[in-house]
Amino acid sequence: NQAFRYNNHMWGLQFHPEFDVEITHAYIDLVRRYLSKEGQD
């Protein structure tokens, strides 16, 4: 469920349209130990 519309005037987006690579990198670094525990590199 990455995106939905409701009543033709409300939207939900799970992804971040406002983020760029630099910001996404910072978030990966923030949770890297949790990602590693889940088997993600």
PDB file of all heavy atoms in Angstrom:
ATOM      1  N   ASN A   1       0.833  -1.208   0.000  1.00  0.00           N
ATOM      2  CA  ASN A   1       0.000   0.000   0.000  1.00  0.00           C
ATOM      3  C   ASN A   1       0.868   1.259   0.000  1.00  0.00           C
ATOM      4  O   ASN A   1       0.911   2.010   0.970  1.00  0.00           O
ATOM      5  CB  ASN A   1      -0.934   0.001   1.213  1.00  0.00           C
ATOM      6  CG  ASN A   1      -1.910  -1.162   1.188  1.00  0.00           C
ATOM      7  OD1 ASN A   1      -2.545  -1.420   0.163  1.00  0.00           O
ATOM      8  ND2 ASN A   1      -2.028  -1.878   2.302  1.00  0.00           N
ATOM      9  N   GLN A   2       1.561   1.484  -1.100  1.00  0.00           N
ATOM     10  CA  GLN A   2       2.440   2.646  -1.195  1.00  0.00           C
ATOM     11  C   GLN A   2       1.689   3.949  -1.439  1.00  0.00           C
ATOM     12  O   GLN A   2       2.205   5.027  -1.142  1.00  0.00           O
ATOM     13  CB  GLN A   2       3.460   2.434  -2.316  1.00  0.00           C
ATOM     14  CG  GLN A   2       4.666   1.605  -1.927  1.00  0.00           C
ATOM     15  CD  GLN A   2       5.629   2.355  -1.031  1.00  0.00           C
ATOM     16  OE1 GLN A   2       5.660   3.583  -1.017  1.00  0.00           O
ATOM     17  NE2 GLN A   2       6.422   1.619  -0.276  1.00  0.00           N
ATOM     18  N   ALA A   3       0.488   3.872  -1.972  1.00  0.00           N
ATOM     19  CA  ALA A   3      -0.266   5.099  -2.235  1.00  0.00           C
ATOM     20  C   ALA A   3      -1.749   4.792  -2.325  1.00  0.00           C
ATOM     21  O   ALA A   3      -2.146   3.721  -2.790  1.00  0.00           O
ATOM     22  CB  ALA A   3       0.216   5.767  -3.525  1.00  0.00           C
ATOM     23  N   PHE A   4      -2.560   5.750  -1.866  1.00  0.00           N
ATOM     24  CA  PHE A   4      -4.016   5.626  -2.006  1.00  0.00           C
ATOM     25  C   PHE A   4      -4.628   7.009  -2.185  1.00  0.00           C
ATOM     26  O   PHE A   4      -4.006   8.038  -1.899  1.00  0.00           O
ATOM     27  CB  PHE A   4      -4.640   4.915  -0.799  1.00  0.00           C
ATOM     28  CG  PHE A   4      -4.649   5.711   0.488  1.00  0.00           C
ATOM     29  CD1 PHE A   4      -5.677   6.598   0.782  1.00  0.00           C
ATOM     30  CD2 PHE A   4      -3.631   5.549   1.426  1.00  0.00           C
ATOM     31  CE1 PHE A   4      -5.690   7.323   1.971  1.00  0.00           C
ATOM     32  CE2 PHE A   4      -3.630   6.273   2.612  1.00  0.00           C
ATOM     33  CZ  PHE A   4      -4.658   7.152   2.886  1.00  0.00           C
ATOM     34  N   ARG A   5      -5.865   7.013  -2.674  1.00  0.00           N
ATOM     35  CA  ARG A   5      -6.660   8.242  -2.803  1.00  0.00           C
ATOM     36  C   ARG A   5      -7.998   8.003  -2.116  1.00  0.00           C
ATOM     37  O   ARG A   5      -8.536   6.898  -2.152  1.00  0.00           O
ATOM     38  CB  ARG A   5      -6.877   8.583  -4.277  1.00  0.00           C
ATOM     39  CG  ARG A   5      -7.657   9.887  -4.512  1.00  0.00           C
ATOM     40  CD  ARG A   5      -7.875  10.175  -5.996  1.00  0.00           C
ATOM     41  NE  ARG A   5      -8.808   9.245  -6.630  1.00  0.00           N
ATOM     42  CZ  ARG A   5      -8.482   8.362  -7.565  1.00  0.00           C
ATOM     43  NH1 ARG A   5      -7.240   8.247  -7.999  1.00  0.00           N
ATOM     44  NH2 ARG A   5      -9.398   7.564  -8.079  1.00  0.00           N
ATOM     45  N   TYR A   6      -8.540   9.039  -1.505  1.00  0.00           N
ATOM     46  CA  TYR A   6      -9.823   8.915  -0.813  1.00  0.00           C
ATOM     47  C   TYR A   6     -10.679  10.132  -1.152  1.00  0.00           C
ATOM     48  O   TYR A   6     -10.216  11.286  -1.050  1.00  0.00           O
ATOM     49  CB  TYR A   6      -9.592   8.835   0.703  1.00  0.00           C
ATOM     50  CG  TYR A   6     -10.821   8.498   1.505  1.00  0.00           C
ATOM     51  CD1 TYR A   6     -11.162   7.166   1.749  1.00  0.00           C
ATOM     52  CD2 TYR A   6     -11.631   9.501   2.032  1.00  0.00           C
ATOM     53  CE1 TYR A   6     -12.295   6.846   2.492  1.00  0.00           C
ATOM     54  CE2 TYR A   6     -12.760   9.188   2.776  1.00  0.00           C
ATOM     55  CZ  TYR A   6     -13.084   7.852   2.996  1.00  0.00           C
ATOM     56  OH  TYR A   6     -14.205   7.535   3.732  1.00  0.00           O
ATOM     57  N   ASN A   7     -11.901   9.884  -1.586  1.00  0.00           N
ATOM     58  CA  ASN A   7     -12.871  10.946  -1.897  1.00  0.00           C
ATOM     59  C   ASN A   7     -12.350  11.960  -2.920  1.00  0.00           C
ATOM     60  O   ASN A   7     -12.821  13.099  -2.962  1.00  0.00           O
ATOM     61  CB  ASN A   7     -13.303  11.681  -0.619  1.00  0.00           C
ATOM     62  CG  ASN A   7     -14.446  10.966   0.078  1.00  0.00           C
ATOM     63  OD1 ASN A   7     -14.798   9.846  -0.271  1.00  0.00           O
ATOM     64  ND2 ASN A   7     -15.014  11.595   1.089  1.00  0.00           N
ATOM     65  N   ASN A   8     -11.382  11.552  -3.707  1.00  0.00           N
ATOM     66  CA  ASN A   8     -10.853  12.392  -4.786  1.00  0.00           C
ATOM     67  C   ASN A   8     -10.211  13.697  -4.338  1.00  0.00           C
ATOM     68  O   ASN A   8      -9.977  14.595  -5.156  1.00  0.00           O
ATOM     69  CB  ASN A   8     -11.939  12.695  -5.825  1.00  0.00           C
ATOM     70  CG  ASN A   8     -12.369  11.445  -6.576  1.00  0.00           C
ATOM     71  OD1 ASN A   8     -11.540  10.612  -6.926  1.00  0.00           O
ATOM     72  ND2 ASN A   8     -13.663  11.308  -6.815  1.00  0.00           N
ATOM     73  N   HIS A   9      -9.894  13.813  -3.028  1.00  0.00           N
ATOM     74  CA  HIS A   9      -9.187  15.011  -2.578  1.00  0.00           C
ATOM     75  C   HIS A   9      -8.189  14.726  -1.464  1.00  0.00           C
ATOM     76  O   HIS A   9      -7.534  15.656  -0.960  1.00  0.00           O
ATOM     77  CB  HIS A   9     -10.177  16.099  -2.115  1.00  0.00           C
ATOM     78  CG  HIS A   9     -10.929  15.743  -0.865  1.00  0.00           C
ATOM     79  ND1 HIS A   9     -10.549  16.161   0.374  1.00  0.00           N
ATOM     80  CD2 HIS A   9     -12.051  14.999  -0.686  1.00  0.00           C
ATOM     81  CE1 HIS A   9     -11.408  15.706   1.281  1.00  0.00           C
ATOM     82  NE2 HIS A   9     -12.324  14.995   0.659  1.00  0.00           N
ATOM     83  N   MET A  10      -8.051  13.444  -1.092  1.00  0.00           N
ATOM     84  CA  MET A  10      -7.104  13.063  -0.045  1.00  0.00           C
ATOM     85  C   MET A  10      -6.191  11.971  -0.581  1.00  0.00           C
ATOM     86  O   MET A  10      -6.669  11.016  -1.206  1.00  0.00           O
ATOM     87  CB  MET A  10      -7.840  12.569   1.205  1.00  0.00           C
ATOM     88  CG  MET A  10      -8.922  13.507   1.706  1.00  0.00           C
ATOM     89  SD  MET A  10      -9.795  12.882   3.170  1.00  0.00           S
ATOM     90  CE  MET A  10      -8.837  13.661   4.459  1.00  0.00           C
ATOM     91  N   TRP A  11      -4.883  12.112  -0.309  1.00  0.00           N
ATOM     92  CA  TRP A  11      -3.913  11.127  -0.776  1.00  0.00           C
ATOM     93  C   TRP A  11      -2.959  10.729   0.349  1.00  0.00           C
ATOM     94  O   TRP A  11      -2.608  11.556   1.193  1.00  0.00           O
ATOM     95  CB  TRP A  11      -3.064  11.700  -1.914  1.00  0.00           C
ATOM     96  CG  TRP A  11      -3.762  11.839  -3.215  1.00  0.00           C
ATOM     97  CD1 TRP A  11      -3.798  10.940  -4.254  1.00  0.00           C
ATOM     98  CD2 TRP A  11      -4.542  12.953  -3.652  1.00  0.00           C
ATOM     99  NE1 TRP A  11      -4.552  11.428  -5.294  1.00  0.00           N
ATOM    100  CE2 TRP A  11      -5.017  12.667  -4.959  1.00  0.00           C
ATOM    101  CE3 TRP A  11      -4.881  14.185  -3.077  1.00  0.00           C
ATOM    102  CZ2 TRP A  11      -5.807  13.557  -5.668  1.00  0.00           C
ATOM    103  CZ3 TRP A  11      -5.678  15.066  -3.780  1.00  0.00           C
ATOM    104  CH2 TRP A  11      -6.133  14.751  -5.063  1.00  0.00           C
ATOM    105  N   GLY A  12      -2.557   9.480   0.313  1.00  0.00           N
ATOM    106  CA  GLY A  12      -1.496   9.007   1.178  1.00  0.00           C
ATOM    107  C   GLY A  12      -0.379   8.449   0.321  1.00  0.00           C
ATOM    108  O   GLY A  12      -0.630   7.662  -0.596  1.00  0.00           O
ATOM    109  N   LEU A  13       0.861   8.866   0.608  1.00  0.00           N
ATOM    110  CA  LEU A  13       2.046   8.356  -0.071  1.00  0.00           C
ATOM    111  C   LEU A  13       2.997   7.809   0.981  1.00  0.00           C
ATOM    112  O   LEU A  13       3.436   8.559   1.866  1.00  0.00           O
ATOM    113  CB  LEU A  13       2.754   9.458  -0.863  1.00  0.00           C
ATOM    114  CG  LEU A  13       1.947  10.216  -1.921  1.00  0.00           C
ATOM    115  CD1 LEU A  13       2.820  11.312  -2.532  1.00  0.00           C
ATOM    116  CD2 LEU A  13       1.455   9.265  -3.003  1.00  0.00           C
ATOM    117  N   GLN A  14       3.321   6.530   0.903  1.00  0.00           N
ATOM    118  CA  GLN A  14       4.267   5.976   1.861  1.00  0.00           C
ATOM    119  C   GLN A  14       5.687   6.457   1.571  1.00  0.00           C
ATOM    120  O   GLN A  14       6.485   6.674   2.479  1.00  0.00           O
ATOM    121  CB  GLN A  14       4.220   4.448   1.837  1.00  0.00           C
ATOM    122  CG  GLN A  14       5.138   3.778   2.841  1.00  0.00           C
ATOM    123  CD  GLN A  14       4.868   4.228   4.262  1.00  0.00           C
ATOM    124  OE1 GLN A  14       3.863   3.881   4.851  1.00  0.00           O
ATOM    125  NE2 GLN A  14       5.766   5.026   4.826  1.00  0.00           N
ATOM    126  N   PHE A  15       6.028   6.648   0.317  1.00  0.00           N
ATOM    127  CA  PHE A  15       7.363   7.141  -0.030  1.00  0.00           C
ATOM    128  C   PHE A  15       7.438   8.652   0.184  1.00  0.00           C
ATOM    129  O   PHE A  15       6.424   9.329   0.321  1.00  0.00           O
ATOM    130  CB  PHE A  15       7.720   6.774  -1.477  1.00  0.00           C
ATOM    131  CG  PHE A  15       6.784   7.318  -2.519  1.00  0.00           C
ATOM    132  CD1 PHE A  15       7.040   8.518  -3.151  1.00  0.00           C
ATOM    133  CD2 PHE A  15       5.630   6.619  -2.877  1.00  0.00           C
ATOM    134  CE1 PHE A  15       6.176   9.023  -4.121  1.00  0.00           C
ATOM    135  CE2 PHE A  15       4.762   7.112  -3.853  1.00  0.00           C
ATOM    136  CZ  PHE A  15       5.038   8.322  -4.458  1.00  0.00           C
ATOM    137  N   HIS A  16       8.670   9.170   0.219  1.00  0.00           N
ATOM    138  CA  HIS A  16       8.916  10.583   0.468  1.00  0.00           C
ATOM    139  C   HIS A  16       9.200  11.318  -0.839  1.00  0.00           C
ATOM    140  O   HIS A  16      10.331  11.294  -1.331  1.00  0.00           O
ATOM    141  CB  HIS A  16      10.121  10.763   1.390  1.00  0.00           C
ATOM    142  CG  HIS A  16       9.862  10.491   2.831  1.00  0.00           C
ATOM    143  ND1 HIS A  16       9.365  11.444   3.697  1.00  0.00           N
ATOM    144  CD2 HIS A  16      10.057   9.369   3.565  1.00  0.00           C
ATOM    145  CE1 HIS A  16       9.260  10.925   4.902  1.00  0.00           C
ATOM    146  NE2 HIS A  16       9.669   9.666   4.856  1.00  0.00           N
ATOM    147  N   PRO A  17       8.240  12.024  -1.417  1.00  0.00           N
ATOM    148  CA  PRO A  17       8.522  12.759  -2.653  1.00  0.00           C
ATOM    149  C   PRO A  17       9.441  13.956  -2.432  1.00  0.00           C
ATOM    150  O   PRO A  17       9.998  14.490  -3.392  1.00  0.00           O
ATOM    151  CB  PRO A  17       7.128  13.195  -3.124  1.00  0.00           C
ATOM    152  CG  PRO A  17       6.315  13.259  -1.877  1.00  0.00           C
ATOM    153  CD  PRO A  17       6.836  12.148  -1.010  1.00  0.00           C
ATOM    154  N   GLU A  18       9.589  14.383  -1.178  1.00  0.00           N
ATOM    155  CA  GLU A  18      10.413  15.561  -0.865  1.00  0.00           C
ATOM    156  C   GLU A  18      11.860  15.210  -0.524  1.00  0.00           C
ATOM    157  O   GLU A  18      12.708  16.107  -0.405  1.00  0.00           O
ATOM    158  CB  GLU A  18       9.778  16.349   0.294  1.00  0.00           C
ATOM    159  CG  GLU A  18      10.057  15.818   1.689  1.00  0.00           C
ATOM    160  CD  GLU A  18       9.238  14.605   2.115  1.00  0.00           C
ATOM    161  OE1 GLU A  18       8.696  13.891   1.232  1.00  0.00           O
ATOM    162  OE2 GLU A  18       9.139  14.359   3.326  1.00  0.00           O
ATOM    163  N   PHE A  19      12.191  13.937  -0.364  1.00  0.00           N
ATOM    164  CA  PHE A  19      13.539  13.525   0.030  1.00  0.00           C
ATOM    165  C   PHE A  19      14.454  13.371  -1.182  1.00  0.00           C
ATOM    166  O   PHE A  19      14.000  13.097  -2.295  1.00  0.00           O
ATOM    167  CB  PHE A  19      13.501  12.196   0.778  1.00  0.00           C
ATOM    168  CG  PHE A  19      13.171  12.314   2.250  1.00  0.00           C
ATOM    169  CD1 PHE A  19      12.702  13.496   2.804  1.00  0.00           C
ATOM    170  CD2 PHE A  19      13.319  11.215   3.080  1.00  0.00           C
ATOM    171  CE1 PHE A  19      12.394  13.587   4.149  1.00  0.00           C
ATOM    172  CE2 PHE A  19      13.017  11.296   4.433  1.00  0.00           C
ATOM    173  CZ  PHE A  19      12.556  12.482   4.970  1.00  0.00           C
ATOM    174  N   ASP A  20      15.761  13.508  -0.933  1.00  0.00           N
ATOM    175  CA  ASP A  20      16.766  13.211  -1.945  1.00  0.00           C
ATOM    176  C   ASP A  20      17.725  12.168  -1.372  1.00  0.00           C
ATOM    177  O   ASP A  20      17.540  11.668  -0.253  1.00  0.00           O
ATOM    178  CB  ASP A  20      17.502  14.469  -2.399  1.00  0.00           C
ATOM    179  CG  ASP A  20      18.199  15.210  -1.253  1.00  0.00           C
ATOM    180  OD1 ASP A  20      18.425  14.610  -0.179  1.00  0.00           O
ATOM    181  OD2 ASP A  20      18.517  16.402  -1.439  1.00  0.00           O
ATOM    182  N   VAL A  21      18.754  11.834  -2.132  1.00  0.00           N
ATOM    183  CA  VAL A  21      19.675  10.769  -1.728  1.00  0.00           C
ATOM    184  C   VAL A  21      20.386  11.105  -0.418  1.00  0.00           C
ATOM    185  O   VAL A  21      20.546  10.245   0.453  1.00  0.00           O
ATOM    186  CB  VAL A  21      20.697  10.491  -2.852  1.00  0.00           C
ATOM    187  CG1 VAL A  21      21.859   9.644  -2.338  1.00  0.00           C
ATOM    188  CG2 VAL A  21      20.014   9.778  -4.020  1.00  0.00           C
ATOM    189  N   GLU A  22      20.799  12.350  -0.262  1.00  0.00           N
ATOM    190  CA  GLU A  22      21.521  12.740   0.955  1.00  0.00           C
ATOM    191  C   GLU A  22      20.672  12.478   2.202  1.00  0.00           C
ATOM    192  O   GLU A  22      21.172  11.944   3.206  1.00  0.00           O
ATOM    193  CB  GLU A  22      21.909  14.214   0.890  1.00  0.00           C
ATOM    194  CG  GLU A  22      22.671  14.687   2.112  1.00  0.00           C
ATOM    195  CD  GLU A  22      22.991  16.181   2.082  1.00  0.00           C
ATOM    196  OE1 GLU A  22      22.405  16.889   1.241  1.00  0.00           O
ATOM    197  OE2 GLU A  22      23.806  16.622   2.907  1.00  0.00           O
ATOM    198  N   ILE A  23      19.418  12.838   2.147  1.00  0.00           N
ATOM    199  CA  ILE A  23      18.538  12.636   3.299  1.00  0.00           C
ATOM    200  C   ILE A  23      18.279  11.151   3.523  1.00  0.00           C
ATOM    201  O   ILE A  23      18.304  10.667   4.665  1.00  0.00           O
ATOM    202  CB  ILE A  23      17.220  13.410   3.107  1.00  0.00           C
ATOM    203  CG1 ILE A  23      17.489  14.916   3.065  1.00  0.00           C
ATOM    204  CG2 ILE A  23      16.222  13.076   4.210  1.00  0.00           C
ATOM    205  CD1 ILE A  23      16.284  15.760   2.716  1.00  0.00           C
ATOM    206  N   THR A  24      18.042  10.419   2.446  1.00  0.00           N
ATOM    207  CA  THR A  24      17.805   8.975   2.586  1.00  0.00           C
ATOM    208  C   THR A  24      19.035   8.280   3.163  1.00  0.00           C
ATOM    209  O   THR A  24      18.909   7.392   4.025  1.00  0.00           O
ATOM    210  CB  THR A  24      17.414   8.366   1.228  1.00  0.00           C
ATOM    211  OG1 THR A  24      16.256   9.044   0.735  1.00  0.00           O
ATOM    212  CG2 THR A  24      17.097   6.882   1.366  1.00  0.00           C
ATOM    213  N   HIS A  25      20.222   8.670   2.731  1.00  0.00           N
ATOM    214  CA  HIS A  25      21.451   8.114   3.307  1.00  0.00           C
ATOM    215  C   HIS A  25      21.513   8.346   4.810  1.00  0.00           C
ATOM    216  O   HIS A  25      21.901   7.453   5.582  1.00  0.00           O
ATOM    217  CB  HIS A  25      22.671   8.754   2.654  1.00  0.00           C
ATOM    218  CG  HIS A  25      23.043   8.162   1.336  1.00  0.00           C
ATOM    219  ND1 HIS A  25      24.112   8.598   0.601  1.00  0.00           N
ATOM    220  CD2 HIS A  25      22.502   7.150   0.616  1.00  0.00           C
ATOM    221  CE1 HIS A  25      24.207   7.894  -0.514  1.00  0.00           C
ATOM    222  NE2 HIS A  25      23.238   7.013  -0.526  1.00  0.00           N
ATOM    223  N   ALA A  26      21.150   9.551   5.241  1.00  0.00           N
ATOM    224  CA  ALA A  26      21.189   9.872   6.667  1.00  0.00           C
ATOM    225  C   ALA A  26      20.241   8.972   7.458  1.00  0.00           C
ATOM    226  O   ALA A  26      20.565   8.547   8.582  1.00  0.00           O
ATOM    227  CB  ALA A  26      20.837  11.339   6.881  1.00  0.00           C
ATOM    228  N   TYR A  27      19.084   8.663   6.882  1.00  0.00           N
ATOM    229  CA  TYR A  27      18.139   7.781   7.580  1.00  0.00           C
ATOM    230  C   TYR A  27      18.626   6.330   7.606  1.00  0.00           C
ATOM    231  O   TYR A  27      18.416   5.615   8.593  1.00  0.00           O
ATOM    232  CB  TYR A  27      16.747   7.894   6.955  1.00  0.00           C
ATOM    233  CG  TYR A  27      15.938   8.992   7.585  1.00  0.00           C
ATOM    234  CD1 TYR A  27      15.912  10.266   7.027  1.00  0.00           C
ATOM    235  CD2 TYR A  27      15.240   8.778   8.769  1.00  0.00           C
ATOM    236  CE1 TYR A  27      15.193  11.292   7.624  1.00  0.00           C
ATOM    237  CE2 TYR A  27      14.523   9.791   9.368  1.00  0.00           C
ATOM    238  CZ  TYR A  27      14.502  11.044   8.797  1.00  0.00           C
ATOM    239  OH  TYR A  27      13.805  12.060   9.411  1.00  0.00           O
ATOM    240  N   ILE A  28      19.260   5.888   6.549  1.00  0.00           N
ATOM    241  CA  ILE A  28      19.840   4.535   6.567  1.00  0.00           C
ATOM    242  C   ILE A  28      20.891   4.439   7.667  1.00  0.00           C
ATOM    243  O   ILE A  28      20.934   3.467   8.429  1.00  0.00           O
ATOM    244  CB  ILE A  28      20.436   4.178   5.195  1.00  0.00           C
ATOM    245  CG1 ILE A  28      19.324   4.046   4.148  1.00  0.00           C
ATOM    246  CG2 ILE A  28      21.245   2.869   5.273  1.00  0.00           C
ATOM    247  CD1 ILE A  28      19.822   3.888   2.730  1.00  0.00           C
ATOM    248  N   ASP A  29      21.743   5.468   7.769  1.00  0.00           N
ATOM    249  CA  ASP A  29      22.764   5.472   8.823  1.00  0.00           C
ATOM    250  C   ASP A  29      22.131   5.494  10.209  1.00  0.00           C
ATOM    251  O   ASP A  29      22.641   4.864  11.142  1.00  0.00           O
ATOM    252  CB  ASP A  29      23.680   6.677   8.652  1.00  0.00           C
ATOM    253  CG  ASP A  29      24.639   6.532   7.473  1.00  0.00           C
ATOM    254  OD1 ASP A  29      24.927   5.375   7.085  1.00  0.00           O
ATOM    255  OD2 ASP A  29      25.084   7.567   6.941  1.00  0.00           O
ATOM    256  N   LEU A  30      21.011   6.191  10.348  1.00  0.00           N
ATOM    257  CA  LEU A  30      20.338   6.294  11.643  1.00  0.00           C
ATOM    258  C   LEU A  30      19.879   4.937  12.155  1.00  0.00           C
ATOM    259  O   LEU A  30      19.914   4.670  13.360  1.00  0.00           O
ATOM    260  CB  LEU A  30      19.137   7.246  11.519  1.00  0.00           C
ATOM    261  CG  LEU A  30      18.343   7.530  12.789  1.00  0.00           C
ATOM    262  CD1 LEU A  30      19.174   8.354  13.764  1.00  0.00           C
ATOM    263  CD2 LEU A  30      17.043   8.263  12.452  1.00  0.00           C
ATOM    264  N   VAL A  31      19.438   4.057  11.256  1.00  0.00           N
ATOM    265  CA  VAL A  31      18.872   2.770  11.675  1.00  0.00           C
ATOM    266  C   VAL A  31      19.707   1.586  11.186  1.00  0.00           C
ATOM    267  O   VAL A  31      19.218   0.462  11.140  1.00  0.00           O
ATOM    268  CB  VAL A  31      17.412   2.623  11.171  1.00  0.00           C
ATOM    269  CG1 VAL A  31      16.536   3.723  11.739  1.00  0.00           C
ATOM    270  CG2 VAL A  31      17.345   2.627   9.648  1.00  0.00           C
ATOM    271  N   ARG A  32      20.982   1.825  10.890  1.00  0.00           N
ATOM    272  CA  ARG A  32      21.766   0.759  10.253  1.00  0.00           C
ATOM    273  C   ARG A  32      21.855  -0.500  11.101  1.00  0.00           C
ATOM    274  O   ARG A  32      21.826  -1.614  10.565  1.00  0.00           O
ATOM    275  CB  ARG A  32      23.152   1.251   9.858  1.00  0.00           C
ATOM    276  CG  ARG A  32      24.048   1.736  10.945  1.00  0.00           C
ATOM    277  CD  ARG A  32      25.496   1.937  10.428  1.00  0.00           C
ATOM    278  NE  ARG A  32      25.602   2.635   9.163  1.00  0.00           N
ATOM    279  CZ  ARG A  32      26.136   2.090   8.065  1.00  0.00           C
ATOM    280  NH1 ARG A  32      26.596   0.842   8.091  1.00  0.00           N
ATOM    281  NH2 ARG A  32      26.222   2.780   6.955  1.00  0.00           N
ATOM    282  N   ARG A  33      21.921  -0.372  12.419  1.00  0.00           N
ATOM    283  CA  ARG A  33      22.038  -1.585  13.240  1.00  0.00           C
ATOM    284  C   ARG A  33      20.755  -2.414  13.195  1.00  0.00           C
ATOM    285  O   ARG A  33      20.796  -3.644  13.267  1.00  0.00           O
ATOM    286  CB  ARG A  33      22.435  -1.241  14.667  1.00  0.00           C
ATOM    287  CG  ARG A  33      21.378  -0.589  15.534  1.00  0.00           C
ATOM    288  CD  ARG A  33      21.924  -0.377  16.944  1.00  0.00           C
ATOM    289  NE  ARG A  33      20.942   0.148  17.860  1.00  0.00           N
ATOM    290  CZ  ARG A  33      20.690   1.433  18.029  1.00  0.00           C
ATOM    291  NH1 ARG A  33      21.335   2.329  17.307  1.00  0.00           N
ATOM    292  NH2 ARG A  33      19.791   1.843  18.909  1.00  0.00           N
ATOM    293  N   TYR A  34      19.608  -1.742  13.082  1.00  0.00           N
ATOM    294  CA  TYR A  34      18.338  -2.465  12.976  1.00  0.00           C
ATOM    295  C   TYR A  34      18.220  -3.139  11.614  1.00  0.00           C
ATOM    296  O   TYR A  34      17.731  -4.267  11.514  1.00  0.00           O
ATOM    297  CB  TYR A  34      17.163  -1.511  13.200  1.00  0.00           C
ATOM    298  CG  TYR A  34      17.170  -0.854  14.551  1.00  0.00           C
ATOM    299  CD1 TYR A  34      17.468   0.508  14.682  1.00  0.00           C
ATOM    300  CD2 TYR A  34      16.903  -1.583  15.703  1.00  0.00           C
ATOM    301  CE1 TYR A  34      17.481   1.115  15.923  1.00  0.00           C
ATOM    302  CE2 TYR A  34      16.911  -0.975  16.956  1.00  0.00           C
ATOM    303  CZ  TYR A  34      17.212   0.369  17.049  1.00  0.00           C
ATOM    304  OH  TYR A  34      17.233   0.969  18.286  1.00  0.00           O
ATOM    305  N   LEU A  35      18.662  -2.451  10.587  1.00  0.00           N
ATOM    306  CA  LEU A  35      18.652  -3.046   9.252  1.00  0.00           C
ATOM    307  C   LEU A  35      19.542  -4.284   9.210  1.00  0.00           C
ATOM    308  O   LEU A  35      19.162  -5.315   8.640  1.00  0.00           O
ATOM    309  CB  LEU A  35      19.119  -2.022   8.213  1.00  0.00           C
ATOM    310  CG  LEU A  35      18.184  -0.837   7.971  1.00  0.00           C
ATOM    311  CD1 LEU A  35      18.901   0.256   7.181  1.00  0.00           C
ATOM    312  CD2 LEU A  35      16.928  -1.283   7.225  1.00  0.00           C
ATOM    313  N   SER A  36      20.717  -4.192   9.831  1.00  0.00           N
ATOM    314  CA  SER A  36      21.640  -5.328   9.851  1.00  0.00           C
ATOM    315  C   SER A  36      21.039  -6.519  10.583  1.00  0.00           C
ATOM    316  O   SER A  36      21.191  -7.669  10.165  1.00  0.00           O
ATOM    317  CB  SER A  36      22.960  -4.919  10.510  1.00  0.00           C
ATOM    318  OG  SER A  36      23.618  -3.930   9.756  1.00  0.00           O
ATOM    319  N   LYS A  37      20.311  -6.245  11.674  1.00  0.00           N
ATOM    320  CA  LYS A  37      19.662  -7.322  12.417  1.00  0.00           C
ATOM    321  C   LYS A  37      18.605  -8.032  11.584  1.00  0.00           C
ATOM    322  O   LYS A  37      18.318  -9.209  11.790  1.00  0.00           O
ATOM    323  CB  LYS A  37      19.034  -6.774  13.706  1.00  0.00           C
ATOM    324  CG  LYS A  37      20.040  -6.436  14.797  1.00  0.00           C
ATOM    325  CD  LYS A  37      19.333  -5.918  16.035  1.00  0.00           C
ATOM    326  CE  LYS A  37      20.326  -5.592  17.137  1.00  0.00           C
ATOM    327  NZ  LYS A  37      19.646  -5.055  18.346  1.00  0.00           N
ATOM    328  N   GLU A  38      18.021  -7.300  10.629  1.00  0.00           N
ATOM    329  CA  GLU A  38      17.009  -7.884   9.753  1.00  0.00           C
ATOM    330  C   GLU A  38      17.630  -8.571   8.542  1.00  0.00           C
ATOM    331  O   GLU A  38      16.912  -9.087   7.675  1.00  0.00           O
ATOM    332  CB  GLU A  38      16.036  -6.804   9.277  1.00  0.00           C
ATOM    333  CG  GLU A  38      15.157  -6.248  10.382  1.00  0.00           C
ATOM    334  CD  GLU A  38      14.200  -5.175   9.884  1.00  0.00           C
ATOM    335  OE1 GLU A  38      14.234  -4.849   8.673  1.00  0.00           O
ATOM    336  OE2 GLU A  38      13.410  -4.669  10.700  1.00  0.00           O
ATOM    337  N   GLY A  39      18.958  -8.555   8.466  1.00  0.00           N
ATOM    338  CA  GLY A  39      19.627  -9.193   7.333  1.00  0.00           C
ATOM    339  C   GLY A  39      19.813  -8.289   6.133  1.00  0.00           C
ATOM    340  O   GLY A  39      20.163  -8.770   5.044  1.00  0.00           O
ATOM    341  N   GLN A  40      19.586  -6.985   6.310  1.00  0.00           N
ATOM    342  CA  GLN A  40      19.785  -6.030   5.221  1.00  0.00           C
ATOM    343  C   GLN A  40      21.162  -5.373   5.368  1.00  0.00           C
ATOM    344  O   GLN A  40      21.621  -5.116   6.481  1.00  0.00           O
ATOM    345  CB  GLN A  40      18.692  -4.961   5.232  1.00  0.00           C
ATOM    346  CG  GLN A  40      17.278  -5.514   5.105  1.00  0.00           C
ATOM    347  CD  GLN A  40      16.268  -4.409   4.842  1.00  0.00           C
ATOM    348  OE1 GLN A  40      16.324  -3.729   3.829  1.00  0.00           O
ATOM    349  NE2 GLN A  40      15.332  -4.236   5.765  1.00  0.00           N
ATOM    350  N   ASP A  41      21.807  -5.101   4.259  1.00  0.00           N
ATOM    351  CA  ASP A  41      23.126  -4.500   4.255  1.00  0.00           C
ATOM    352  C   ASP A  41      22.988  -2.991   4.026  1.00  0.00           C
ATOM    353  O   ASP A  41      22.641  -2.565   2.925  1.00  0.00           O
ATOM    354  CB  ASP A  41      23.985  -5.115   3.151  1.00  0.00           C
ATOM    355  CG  ASP A  41      25.434  -4.658   3.203  1.00  0.00           C
ATOM    356  OD1 ASP A  41      25.679  -3.488   3.570  1.00  0.00           O
ATOM    357  OD2 ASP A  41      26.319  -5.456   2.860  1.00  0.00           O
TER     358      ASP A  41
END
